[in-house]
Amino acid sequence: MSGRRAALKSIDWLAFAERVPPNQRTMFNALKTRSDAIAAKLRSLPEKPASIDWNYYRSAVAKAGMVDEFEKQFNALKIPEPVDTQTALINAQEAESNKSAVAYIEASKSRIAEYEKQLDKFKNMIPFDQMTIEDLNDTFPETKLDKAKHPYWPHKPIADL
């Protein structure tokens, strides 16, 4: 049992506590208290159950062969342990989440670099109240007037009057 106990994952309660929102702190504390109680109870149990003194029972029980039959049945008894079907799914989900988190971080880094370029552009541009139309068009090319599309801007063509 000890080898099995060592194989179980331990919970990093400090890292877990950092991610708990303040409105769920009481539920987290209840979970930790219950988990600690169960773990303490499991630690208090012996590695193997106490062995049965079959010779004592053979001398104490009057009916011959009854203790031998019980011993045979007891030794034949195998209690199956439940099969863990969820750990593989959880590990796959964790790997997928880590992959999507890394992709999000990389995309965020590229967005940050783009935003820093824009910020440098805004920091190094001429103050808006001192700009000419040419400076505005150089700094923000999307605002440049398309003479082919609007040849008479800001006036209306004579035909439209």
Protein backbone atom coordinates (compact mmCIF):
# COMPACT_ATOMS: atom_id res chain seq x y z
CA MET A 1 0.00 0.00 0.00
CA SER A 2 2.88 2.35 0.78
CA GLY A 3 4.24 2.03 -2.76
CA ARG A 4 0.76 2.77 -4.04
CA ARG A 5 0.44 5.73 -1.71
CA ALA A 6 3.71 7.16 -2.96
CA ALA A 7 2.54 6.81 -6.55
CA LEU A 8 -0.47 9.09 -6.00
CA LYS A 9 -0.08 12.71 -7.03
CA SER A 10 0.29 15.21 -4.27
CA ILE A 11 -1.62 18.47 -4.41
CA ASP A 12 0.24 21.76 -4.29
CA TRP A 13 -2.19 23.56 -1.99
CA LEU A 14 -0.32 26.88 -2.14
CA ALA A 15 -0.51 27.05 -5.93
CA PHE A 16 -4.14 25.93 -5.74
CA ALA A 17 -4.95 28.63 -3.14
CA GLU A 18 -3.48 31.35 -5.38
CA ARG A 19 -6.02 30.53 -8.08
CA VAL A 20 -9.09 30.46 -5.83
CA PRO A 21 -11.29 33.56 -6.14
CA PRO A 22 -12.11 35.34 -2.85
CA ASN A 23 -15.79 34.46 -3.06
CA GLN A 24 -14.91 30.72 -3.14
CA ARG A 25 -12.34 30.78 -0.32
CA THR A 26 -14.69 29.09 2.19
CA MET A 27 -15.38 26.21 -0.22
CA PHE A 28 -11.62 25.85 -0.80
CA ASN A 29 -10.96 25.73 2.95
CA ALA A 30 -13.67 23.09 3.40
CA LEU A 31 -12.15 21.01 0.59
CA LYS A 32 -8.66 21.26 2.07
CA THR A 33 -9.90 20.37 5.56
CA ARG A 34 -11.76 17.32 4.26
CA SER A 35 -8.81 16.25 2.12
CA ASP A 36 -6.43 16.58 5.07
CA ALA A 37 -8.77 14.54 7.28
CA ILE A 38 -9.02 11.74 4.71
CA ALA A 39 -5.25 11.75 4.16
CA ALA A 40 -4.61 11.60 7.91
CA LYS A 41 -7.00 8.67 8.27
CA LEU A 42 -5.31 6.84 5.39
CA ARG A 43 -1.87 7.47 6.92
CA SER A 44 -3.06 6.06 10.25
CA LEU A 45 -4.02 2.73 8.67
CA PRO A 46 -1.34 0.02 8.60
CA GLU A 47 0.39 -0.96 5.36
CA LYS A 48 -1.05 -4.47 5.56
CA PRO A 49 -3.89 -5.64 7.78
CA ALA A 50 -2.98 -7.65 10.86
CA SER A 51 -2.40 -11.29 10.03
CA ILE A 52 -4.92 -13.81 11.30
CA ASP A 53 -3.66 -16.44 13.75
CA TRP A 54 -5.35 -19.45 12.22
CA ASN A 55 -3.75 -21.86 14.76
CA TYR A 56 -5.47 -20.05 17.61
CA TYR A 57 -8.85 -20.42 15.91
CA ARG A 58 -8.20 -24.12 15.17
CA SER A 59 -7.67 -24.72 18.88
CA ALA A 60 -10.63 -22.53 19.94
CA VAL A 61 -13.29 -23.69 17.44
CA ALA A 62 -14.81 -27.07 18.27
CA LYS A 63 -15.95 -28.04 14.76
CA ALA A 64 -13.07 -29.64 12.88
CA GLY A 65 -12.33 -28.38 9.37
CA MET A 66 -14.35 -25.18 9.76
CA VAL A 67 -11.27 -22.98 10.33
CA ASP A 68 -9.44 -24.69 7.45
CA GLU A 69 -12.37 -23.91 5.16
CA PHE A 70 -12.44 -20.28 6.31
CA GLU A 71 -8.68 -19.99 5.80
CA LYS A 72 -8.94 -21.41 2.29
CA GLN A 73 -11.78 -19.03 1.42
CA PHE A 74 -9.96 -16.07 2.99
CA ASN A 75 -6.77 -16.76 1.02
CA ALA A 76 -8.78 -17.18 -2.20
CA LEU A 77 -10.53 -13.86 -1.69
CA LYS A 78 -9.15 -11.20 -4.04
CA ILE A 79 -10.69 -7.77 -3.82
CA PRO A 80 -10.30 -6.00 -7.16
CA GLU A 81 -9.03 -2.45 -7.13
CA PRO A 82 -10.97 -0.01 -9.27
CA VAL A 83 -9.43 0.74 -12.63
CA ASP A 84 -8.31 4.33 -13.12
CA THR A 85 -10.05 5.53 -16.27
CA GLN A 86 -9.88 9.28 -15.69
CA THR A 87 -6.17 10.03 -15.23
CA ALA A 88 -5.36 9.52 -18.92
CA LEU A 89 -8.25 11.81 -19.92
CA ILE A 90 -7.19 14.45 -17.41
CA ASN A 91 -3.57 14.30 -18.56
CA ALA A 92 -4.66 14.62 -22.20
CA GLN A 93 -6.88 17.57 -21.31
CA GLU A 94 -4.01 19.16 -19.37
CA ALA A 95 -1.63 18.72 -22.32
CA GLU A 96 -4.20 20.26 -24.67
CA SER A 97 -4.74 23.18 -22.28
CA ASN A 98 -0.99 23.72 -22.01
CA LYS A 99 -0.70 23.68 -25.80
CA SER A 100 -3.49 26.25 -26.22
CA ALA A 101 -2.00 28.38 -23.42
CA VAL A 102 1.41 28.40 -25.15
CA ALA A 103 -0.26 29.35 -28.45
CA TYR A 104 -2.16 32.16 -26.70
CA ILE A 105 1.04 33.42 -25.07
CA GLU A 106 2.85 33.48 -28.42
CA ALA A 107 -0.05 35.32 -30.08
CA SER A 108 -0.10 37.77 -27.16
CA LYS A 109 3.63 38.42 -27.52
CA SER A 110 3.18 39.23 -31.21
CA ARG A 111 0.27 41.56 -30.38
CA ILE A 112 2.34 43.24 -27.69
CA ALA A 113 5.18 43.81 -30.18
CA GLU A 114 2.70 45.32 -32.65
CA TYR A 115 1.20 47.57 -29.98
CA GLU A 116 4.65 48.69 -28.85
CA LYS A 117 5.43 49.73 -32.45
CA GLN A 118 2.20 51.75 -32.52
CA LEU A 119 3.04 53.28 -29.15
CA ASP A 120 6.50 54.30 -30.36
CA LYS A 121 4.88 55.84 -33.42
CA PHE A 122 2.52 57.88 -31.22
CA LYS A 123 5.30 58.92 -28.85
CA ASN A 124 7.56 60.10 -31.70
CA MET A 125 4.98 61.89 -33.84
CA ILE A 126 4.53 65.63 -34.01
CA PRO A 127 1.88 66.91 -31.61
CA PHE A 128 -1.49 66.92 -33.33
CA ASP A 129 -2.07 70.65 -32.90
CA GLN A 130 1.22 71.36 -34.71
CA MET A 131 0.64 68.99 -37.66
CA THR A 132 0.02 70.06 -41.20
CA ILE A 133 -2.16 68.06 -43.56
CA GLU A 134 0.99 66.56 -45.11
CA ASP A 135 2.29 65.52 -41.66
CA LEU A 136 -1.08 63.95 -40.88
CA ASN A 137 -1.08 62.03 -44.17
CA ASP A 138 2.51 60.85 -43.57
CA THR A 139 1.77 59.71 -40.01
CA PHE A 140 -1.63 58.18 -40.75
CA PRO A 141 -1.72 57.12 -44.44
CA GLU A 142 -5.26 55.77 -44.06
CA THR A 143 -6.53 59.36 -43.67
CA LYS A 144 -5.04 60.54 -46.96
CA LEU A 145 -7.70 61.84 -49.34
CA ASP A 146 -8.20 59.81 -52.51
CA LYS A 147 -8.25 62.46 -55.26
CA ALA A 148 -9.50 59.98 -57.85
CA LYS A 149 -12.51 59.07 -55.74
CA HIS A 150 -13.23 62.57 -54.32
CA PRO A 151 -11.68 65.15 -56.72
CA TYR A 152 -13.57 68.15 -55.34
CA TRP A 153 -13.31 67.49 -51.61
CA PRO A 154 -14.27 69.37 -49.41
CA HIS A 155 -16.54 71.01 -51.97
CA LYS A 156 -19.34 69.42 -53.91
CA PRO A 157 -19.03 69.21 -57.68
CA ILE A 158 -21.04 71.82 -59.61
CA ALA A 159 -23.17 69.08 -61.20
CA ASP A 160 -24.49 68.06 -57.74
CA LEU A 161 -25.72 71.57 -56.87
